[in-house]
PDB file of N, CA and C in Angstrom:
ATOM      1  N   UNK A   1      45.030 144.405 226.251  1.00  0.00           N
ATOM      2  CA  UNK A   1      43.951 144.763 227.168  1.00  0.00           C
ATOM      3  C   UNK A   1      42.622 144.279 226.603  1.00  0.00           C
ATOM      4  N   UNK A   2      41.790 143.665 227.432  1.00  0.00           N
ATOM      5  CA  UNK A   2      40.538 143.070 226.986  1.00  0.00           C
ATOM      6  C   UNK A   2      39.428 144.097 226.822  1.00  0.00           C
ATOM      7  N   UNK A   3      38.248 143.598 226.514  1.00  0.00           N
ATOM      8  CA  UNK A   3      37.081 144.462 226.354  1.00  0.00           C
ATOM      9  C   UNK A   3      36.667 145.018 227.709  1.00  0.00           C
ATOM     10  N   UNK A   4      36.051 146.184 227.678  1.00  0.00           N
ATOM     11  CA  UNK A   4      35.654 146.835 228.928  1.00  0.00           C
ATOM     12  C   UNK A   4      34.333 146.300 229.468  1.00  0.00           C
ATOM     13  N   UNK A   5      33.523 145.727 228.610  1.00  0.00           N
ATOM     14  CA  UNK A   5      32.239 145.204 229.070  1.00  0.00           C
ATOM     15  C   UNK A   5      31.838 144.033 228.187  1.00  0.00           C
ATOM     16  N   UNK A   6      30.924 143.221 228.690  1.00  0.00           N
ATOM     17  CA  UNK A   6      30.420 142.082 227.941  1.00  0.00           C
ATOM     18  C   UNK A   6      29.105 142.467 227.276  1.00  0.00           C
ATOM     19  N   UNK A   7      28.894 141.972 226.065  1.00  0.00           N
ATOM     20  CA  UNK A   7      27.629 142.194 225.384  1.00  0.00           C
ATOM     21  C   UNK A   7      26.618 141.166 225.876  1.00  0.00           C
ATOM     22  N   UNK A   8      25.410 141.612 226.127  1.00  0.00           N
ATOM     23  CA  UNK A   8      24.379 140.701 226.605  1.00  0.00           C
ATOM     24  C   UNK A   8      23.689 140.030 225.420  1.00  0.00           C
ATOM     25  N   UNK A   9      23.383 138.761 225.590  1.00  0.00           N
ATOM     26  CA  UNK A   9      22.641 138.007 224.594  1.00  0.00           C
ATOM     27  C   UNK A   9      21.162 138.325 224.730  1.00  0.00           C
ATOM     28  N   UNK A  10      20.494 138.524 223.592  1.00  0.00           N
ATOM     29  CA  UNK A  10      19.044 138.698 223.597  1.00  0.00           C
ATOM     30  C   UNK A  10      18.425 137.336 223.887  1.00  0.00           C
ATOM     31  N   UNK A  11      17.794 137.190 225.058  1.00  0.00           N
ATOM     32  CA  UNK A  11      17.319 135.884 225.498  1.00  0.00           C
ATOM     33  C   UNK A  11      16.175 135.356 224.635  1.00  0.00           C
ATOM     34  N   UNK A  12      15.355 136.251 224.101  1.00  0.00           N
ATOM     35  CA  UNK A  12      14.283 135.805 223.213  1.00  0.00           C
ATOM     36  C   UNK A  12      14.843 135.185 221.944  1.00  0.00           C
ATOM     37  N   UNK A  13      15.899 135.798 221.404  1.00  0.00           N
ATOM     38  CA  UNK A  13      16.525 135.263 220.196  1.00  0.00           C
ATOM     39  C   UNK A  13      17.259 133.968 220.498  1.00  0.00           C
ATOM     40  N   UNK A  14      17.852 133.860 221.678  1.00  0.00           N
ATOM     41  CA  UNK A  14      18.607 132.660 222.036  1.00  0.00           C
ATOM     42  C   UNK A  14      17.698 131.438 222.095  1.00  0.00           C
ATOM     43  N   UNK A  15      16.425 131.637 222.438  1.00  0.00           N
ATOM     44  CA  UNK A  15      15.490 130.526 222.521  1.00  0.00           C
ATOM     45  C   UNK A  15      14.969 130.120 221.140  1.00  0.00           C
ATOM     46  N   UNK A  16      15.053 131.004 220.172  1.00  0.00           N
ATOM     47  CA  UNK A  16      14.464 130.756 218.859  1.00  0.00           C
ATOM     48  C   UNK A  16      15.471 130.369 217.789  1.00  0.00           C
ATOM     49  N   UNK A  17      16.718 130.782 217.947  1.00  0.00           N
ATOM     50  CA  UNK A  17      17.720 130.555 216.909  1.00  0.00           C
ATOM     51  C   UNK A  17      18.931 129.846 217.480  1.00  0.00           C
ATOM     52  N   UNK A  18      19.578 129.029 216.628  1.00  0.00           N
ATOM     53  CA  UNK A  18      20.823 128.362 217.009  1.00  0.00           C
ATOM     54  C   UNK A  18      21.823 128.563 215.883  1.00  0.00           C
ATOM     55  N   UNK A  19      23.089 128.700 216.248  1.00  0.00           N
ATOM     56  CA  UNK A  19      24.131 128.799 215.238  1.00  0.00           C
ATOM     57  C   UNK A  19      24.627 127.407 214.880  1.00  0.00           C
ATOM     58  N   UNK A  20      24.881 127.191 213.591  1.00  0.00           N
ATOM     59  CA  UNK A  20      25.449 125.923 213.147  1.00  0.00           C
ATOM     60  C   UNK A  20      26.964 125.991 213.300  1.00  0.00           C
ATOM     61  N   UNK A  21      27.638 124.902 213.004  1.00  0.00           N
ATOM     62  CA  UNK A  21      29.089 124.865 213.108  1.00  0.00           C
ATOM     63  C   UNK A  21      29.770 125.827 212.158  1.00  0.00           C
ATOM     64  N   UNK A  22      29.139 126.086 211.022  1.00  0.00           N
ATOM     65  CA  UNK A  22      29.728 127.000 210.037  1.00  0.00           C
ATOM     66  C   UNK A  22      29.304 128.444 210.263  1.00  0.00           C
ATOM     67  N   UNK A  23      28.456 128.680 211.297  1.00  0.00           N
ATOM     68  CA  UNK A  23      28.066 130.056 211.617  1.00  0.00           C
ATOM     69  C   UNK A  23      26.745 130.490 211.022  1.00  0.00           C
ATOM     70  N   UNK A  24      26.047 129.589 210.332  1.00  0.00           N
ATOM     71  CA  UNK A  24      24.732 129.935 209.802  1.00  0.00           C
ATOM     72  C   UNK A  24      23.709 129.875 210.934  1.00  0.00           C
ATOM     73  N   UNK A  25      22.533 130.441 210.695  1.00  0.00           N
ATOM     74  CA  UNK A  25      21.483 130.507 211.709  1.00  0.00           C
ATOM     75  C   UNK A  25      20.370 129.535 211.340  1.00  0.00           C
ATOM     76  N   UNK A  26      20.027 128.636 212.277  1.00  0.00           N
ATOM     77  CA  UNK A  26      18.909 127.719 212.109  1.00  0.00           C
ATOM     78  C   UNK A  26      17.714 128.227 212.889  1.00  0.00           C
ATOM     79  N   UNK A  27      16.508 127.954 212.371  1.00  0.00           N
ATOM     80  CA  UNK A  27      15.294 128.358 213.074  1.00  0.00           C
ATOM     81  C   UNK A  27      14.214 127.317 212.852  1.00  0.00           C
ATOM     82  N   UNK A  28      13.234 127.303 213.748  1.00  0.00           N
ATOM     83  CA  UNK A  28      12.097 126.385 213.640  1.00  0.00           C
ATOM     84  C   UNK A  28      11.011 127.061 212.829  1.00  0.00           C
ATOM     85  N   UNK A  29      10.415 126.321 211.936  1.00  0.00           N
ATOM     86  CA  UNK A  29       9.395 126.905 211.060  1.00  0.00           C
ATOM     87  C   UNK A  29       8.078 127.147 211.804  1.00  0.00           C
ATOM     88  N   UNK A  30       7.305 128.072 211.288  1.00  0.00           N
ATOM     89  CA  UNK A  30       6.045 128.470 211.925  1.00  0.00           C
ATOM     90  C   UNK A  30       4.926 127.478 211.599  1.00  0.00           C
ATOM     91  N   UNK A  31       3.791 127.667 212.258  1.00  0.00           N
ATOM     92  CA  UNK A  31       2.563 126.896 212.017  1.00  0.00           C
ATOM     93  C   UNK A  31       2.732 125.415 212.306  1.00  0.00           C
ATOM     94  N   UNK A  32       3.383 125.089 213.428  1.00  0.00           N
ATOM     95  CA  UNK A  32       3.641 123.692 213.761  1.00  0.00           C
ATOM     96  C   UNK A  32       2.920 123.245 215.027  1.00  0.00           C
ATOM     97  N   UNK A  33       2.191 124.105 215.703  1.00  0.00           N
ATOM     98  CA  UNK A  33       1.693 123.763 217.021  1.00  0.00           C
ATOM     99  C   UNK A  33       0.260 123.242 217.050  1.00  0.00           C
ATOM    100  N   UNK A  34      -0.645 123.860 216.341  1.00  0.00           N
ATOM    101  CA  UNK A  34      -2.034 123.409 216.403  1.00  0.00           C
ATOM    102  C   UNK A  34      -2.773 123.854 215.158  1.00  0.00           C
ATOM    103  N   UNK A  35      -4.014 123.406 215.005  1.00  0.00           N
ATOM    104  CA  UNK A  35      -4.882 123.685 213.848  1.00  0.00           C
ATOM    105  C   UNK A  35      -4.190 123.266 212.551  1.00  0.00           C
ATOM    106  N   UNK A  36      -3.700 122.036 212.533  1.00  0.00           N
ATOM    107  CA  UNK A  36      -3.043 121.547 211.325  1.00  0.00           C
ATOM    108  C   UNK A  36      -4.021 120.833 210.394  1.00  0.00           C
ATOM    109  N   UNK A  37      -5.266 120.664 210.834  1.00  0.00           N
ATOM    110  CA  UNK A  37      -6.213 119.940 209.989  1.00  0.00           C
ATOM    111  C   UNK A  37      -6.566 120.726 208.735  1.00  0.00           C
ATOM    112  N   UNK A  38      -6.533 122.032 208.823  1.00  0.00           N
ATOM    113  CA  UNK A  38      -6.873 122.826 207.645  1.00  0.00           C
ATOM    114  C   UNK A  38      -5.672 123.078 206.731  1.00  0.00           C
ATOM    115  N   UNK A  39      -4.491 122.703 207.182  1.00  0.00           N
ATOM    116  CA  UNK A  39      -3.293 122.883 206.356  1.00  0.00           C
ATOM    117  C   UNK A  39      -3.070 121.649 205.502  1.00  0.00           C
ATOM    118  N   UNK A  40      -2.488 121.866 204.340  1.00  0.00           N
ATOM    119  CA  UNK A  40      -2.230 120.731 203.457  1.00  0.00           C
ATOM    120  C   UNK A  40      -1.119 119.864 204.047  1.00  0.00           C
ATOM    121  N   UNK A  41      -1.131 118.602 203.675  1.00  0.00           N
ATOM    122  CA  UNK A  41      -0.122 117.660 204.157  1.00  0.00           C
ATOM    123  C   UNK A  41       1.268 118.118 203.750  1.00  0.00           C
ATOM    124  N   UNK A  42       1.381 118.639 202.556  1.00  0.00           N
ATOM    125  CA  UNK A  42       2.673 119.109 202.052  1.00  0.00           C
ATOM    126  C   UNK A  42       3.213 120.251 202.912  1.00  0.00           C
ATOM    127  N   UNK A  43       2.337 121.141 203.292  1.00  0.00           N
ATOM    128  CA  UNK A  43       2.753 122.285 204.106  1.00  0.00           C
ATOM    129  C   UNK A  43       3.233 121.850 205.488  1.00  0.00           C
ATOM    130  N   UNK A  44       2.516 120.932 206.102  1.00  0.00           N
ATOM    131  CA  UNK A  44       2.903 120.431 207.423  1.00  0.00           C
ATOM    132  C   UNK A  44       4.216 119.653 207.342  1.00  0.00           C
ATOM    133  N   UNK A  45       4.365 118.845 206.290  1.00  0.00           N
ATOM    134  CA  UNK A  45       5.572 118.033 206.121  1.00  0.00           C
ATOM    135  C   UNK A  45       6.798 118.920 205.915  1.00  0.00           C
ATOM    136  N   UNK A  46       6.665 119.942 205.094  1.00  0.00           N
ATOM    137  CA  UNK A  46       7.804 120.834 204.830  1.00  0.00           C
ATOM    138  C   UNK A  46       8.157 121.675 206.044  1.00  0.00           C
ATOM    139  N   UNK A  47       7.197 121.887 206.943  1.00  0.00           N
ATOM    140  CA  UNK A  47       7.471 122.676 208.143  1.00  0.00           C
ATOM    141  C   UNK A  47       8.231 121.884 209.193  1.00  0.00           C
ATOM    142  N   UNK A  48       8.340 120.555 209.012  1.00  0.00           N
ATOM    143  CA  UNK A  48       9.087 119.741 209.964  1.00  0.00           C
ATOM    144  C   UNK A  48      10.570 120.085 209.949  1.00  0.00           C
ATOM    145  N   UNK A  49      11.070 120.395 208.766  1.00  0.00           N
ATOM    146  CA  UNK A  49      12.500 120.672 208.648  1.00  0.00           C
ATOM    147  C   UNK A  49      12.824 122.027 209.253  1.00  0.00           C
ATOM    148  N   UNK A  50      13.959 122.134 209.902  1.00  0.00           N
ATOM    149  CA  UNK A  50      14.424 123.427 210.376  1.00  0.00           C
ATOM    150  C   UNK A  50      14.914 124.237 209.190  1.00  0.00           C
ATOM    151  N   UNK A  51      14.666 125.547 209.244  1.00  0.00           N
ATOM    152  CA  UNK A  51      15.103 126.406 208.157  1.00  0.00           C
ATOM    153  C   UNK A  51      16.486 126.968 208.427  1.00  0.00           C
ATOM    154  N   UNK A  52      17.155 127.403 207.360  1.00  0.00           N
ATOM    155  CA  UNK A  52      18.429 128.107 207.478  1.00  0.00           C
ATOM    156  C   UNK A  52      18.183 129.518 206.974  1.00  0.00           C
ATOM    157  N   UNK A  53      18.536 130.493 207.793  1.00  0.00           N
ATOM    158  CA  UNK A  53      18.227 131.879 207.504  1.00  0.00           C
ATOM    159  C   UNK A  53      19.127 132.447 206.415  1.00  0.00           C
ATOM    160  N   UNK A  54      18.562 133.306 205.569  1.00  0.00           N
ATOM    161  CA  UNK A  54      19.366 133.948 204.534  1.00  0.00           C
ATOM    162  C   UNK A  54      20.317 134.959 205.187  1.00  0.00           C
ATOM    163  N   UNK A  55      21.379 135.305 204.478  1.00  0.00           N
ATOM    164  CA  UNK A  55      22.460 136.102 205.058  1.00  0.00           C
ATOM    165  C   UNK A  55      22.005 137.478 205.522  1.00  0.00           C
ATOM    166  N   UNK A  56      21.088 138.113 204.777  1.00  0.00           N
ATOM    167  CA  UNK A  56      20.677 139.471 205.132  1.00  0.00           C
ATOM    168  C   UNK A  56      19.917 139.485 206.459  1.00  0.00           C
ATOM    169  N   UNK A  57      19.074 138.471 206.708  1.00  0.00           N
ATOM    170  CA  UNK A  57      18.366 138.389 207.979  1.00  0.00           C
ATOM    171  C   UNK A  57      19.278 137.892 209.096  1.00  0.00           C
ATOM    172  N   UNK A  58      20.238 137.048 208.736  1.00  0.00           N
ATOM    173  CA  UNK A  58      21.128 136.465 209.739  1.00  0.00           C
ATOM    174  C   UNK A  58      21.995 137.527 210.410  1.00  0.00           C
ATOM    175  N   UNK A  59      22.280 138.615 209.715  1.00  0.00           N
ATOM    176  CA  UNK A  59      23.084 139.693 210.314  1.00  0.00           C
ATOM    177  C   UNK A  59      22.429 140.232 211.572  1.00  0.00           C
ATOM    178  N   UNK A  60      21.114 140.398 211.531  1.00  0.00           N
ATOM    179  CA  UNK A  60      20.387 140.908 212.697  1.00  0.00           C
ATOM    180  C   UNK A  60      20.461 139.925 213.856  1.00  0.00           C
ATOM    181  N   UNK A  61      20.333 138.627 213.544  1.00  0.00           N
ATOM    182  CA  UNK A  61      20.357 137.624 214.596  1.00  0.00           C
ATOM    183  C   UNK A  61      21.766 137.492 215.184  1.00  0.00           C
ATOM    184  N   UNK A  62      22.788 137.588 214.333  1.00  0.00           N
ATOM    185  CA  UNK A  62      24.166 137.546 214.829  1.00  0.00           C
ATOM    186  C   UNK A  62      24.418 138.656 215.830  1.00  0.00           C
ATOM    187  N   UNK A  63      23.817 139.796 215.607  1.00  0.00           N
ATOM    188  CA  UNK A  63      23.977 140.916 216.518  1.00  0.00           C
ATOM    189  C   UNK A  63      23.282 140.645 217.853  1.00  0.00           C
ATOM    190  N   UNK A  64      22.197 139.859 217.827  1.00  0.00           N
ATOM    191  CA  UNK A  64      21.477 139.538 219.052  1.00  0.00           C
ATOM    192  C   UNK A  64      22.129 138.383 219.817  1.00  0.00           C
ATOM    193  N   UNK A  65      22.962 137.586 219.146  1.00  0.00           N
ATOM    194  CA  UNK A  65      23.632 136.441 219.770  1.00  0.00           C
ATOM    195  C   UNK A  65      25.142 136.635 219.731  1.00  0.00           C
ATOM    196  N   UNK A  66      25.688 137.607 220.435  1.00  0.00           N
ATOM    197  CA  UNK A  66      27.120 137.905 220.296  1.00  0.00           C
ATOM    198  C   UNK A  66      28.024 136.850 220.881  1.00  0.00           C
ATOM    199  N   UNK A  67      27.592 136.141 221.932  1.00  0.00           N
ATOM    200  CA  UNK A  67      28.486 135.234 222.652  1.00  0.00           C
ATOM    201  C   UNK A  67      28.286 133.784 222.306  1.00  0.00           C
ATOM    202  N   UNK A  68      27.289 133.470 221.486  1.00  0.00           N
ATOM    203  CA  UNK A  68      26.986 132.067 221.187  1.00  0.00           C
ATOM    204  C   UNK A  68      27.808 131.576 220.018  1.00  0.00           C
TER     205      UNK A  68
END
Protein backbone atom coordinates (compact mmCIF):
# COMPACT_ATOMS: atom_id res chain seq x y z
CA UNK A 1 0.00 0.00 0.00
CA UNK A 2 1.38 3.41 -0.99
CA UNK A 3 1.65 6.66 0.92
CA UNK A 4 -1.57 8.37 1.93
CA UNK A 5 -0.50 11.83 0.83
CA UNK A 6 2.21 13.59 -1.14
CA UNK A 7 4.69 15.94 0.49
CA UNK A 8 4.74 19.40 -1.01
CA UNK A 9 8.00 20.92 -2.20
CA UNK A 10 8.94 24.28 -0.71
CA UNK A 11 8.87 26.41 -3.87
CA UNK A 12 11.23 29.05 -2.50
CA UNK A 13 13.85 26.38 -1.80
CA UNK A 14 13.28 24.74 -5.18
CA UNK A 15 14.27 27.98 -6.91
CA UNK A 16 17.44 28.41 -4.85
CA UNK A 17 18.85 24.90 -4.47
CA UNK A 18 19.47 21.95 -6.79
CA UNK A 19 20.41 18.39 -5.95
CA UNK A 20 23.47 16.89 -7.61
CA UNK A 21 23.59 13.34 -8.94
CA UNK A 22 25.14 12.13 -5.69
CA UNK A 23 22.47 13.88 -3.59
CA UNK A 24 24.49 16.89 -2.44
CA UNK A 25 22.94 20.37 -2.48
CA UNK A 26 24.25 23.09 -4.80
CA UNK A 27 23.52 26.78 -4.28
CA UNK A 28 24.36 30.12 -5.90
CA UNK A 29 26.66 32.35 -3.91
CA UNK A 30 25.53 35.72 -2.57
CA UNK A 31 26.63 39.24 -3.58
CA UNK A 32 26.56 38.60 -7.33
CA UNK A 33 23.93 41.03 -8.60
CA UNK A 34 25.07 44.62 -8.18
CA UNK A 35 27.47 47.02 -6.40
CA UNK A 36 30.49 44.90 -7.27
CA UNK A 37 32.79 47.89 -7.67
CA UNK A 38 33.49 48.04 -3.96
CA UNK A 39 34.16 44.31 -3.71
CA UNK A 40 37.60 42.90 -4.33
CA UNK A 41 38.24 41.07 -7.59
CA UNK A 42 39.03 37.91 -5.64
CA UNK A 43 35.70 38.02 -3.86
CA UNK A 44 33.72 38.47 -7.07
CA UNK A 45 35.70 35.74 -8.85
CA UNK A 46 35.19 33.21 -6.05
CA UNK A 47 31.47 33.98 -5.99
CA UNK A 48 31.14 32.80 -9.60
CA UNK A 49 31.42 29.19 -8.56
CA UNK A 50 28.36 27.44 -7.20
CA UNK A 51 28.75 26.29 -3.62
CA UNK A 52 28.12 22.82 -2.20
CA UNK A 53 26.28 22.86 1.10
CA UNK A 54 27.71 21.17 4.18
CA UNK A 55 25.85 18.11 5.45
CA UNK A 56 24.35 19.73 8.56
CA UNK A 57 22.68 22.50 6.53
CA UNK A 58 21.78 20.14 3.70
CA UNK A 59 19.48 18.16 6.01
CA UNK A 60 17.14 21.14 6.25
CA UNK A 61 17.10 21.61 2.49
CA UNK A 62 16.49 17.90 1.87
CA UNK A 63 13.41 18.20 4.02
CA UNK A 64 12.18 21.13 1.90
CA UNK A 65 12.82 19.25 -1.39
CA UNK A 66 11.24 15.83 -0.76
CA UNK A 67 10.35 14.97 -4.37
CA UNK A 68 13.34 16.36 -6.26
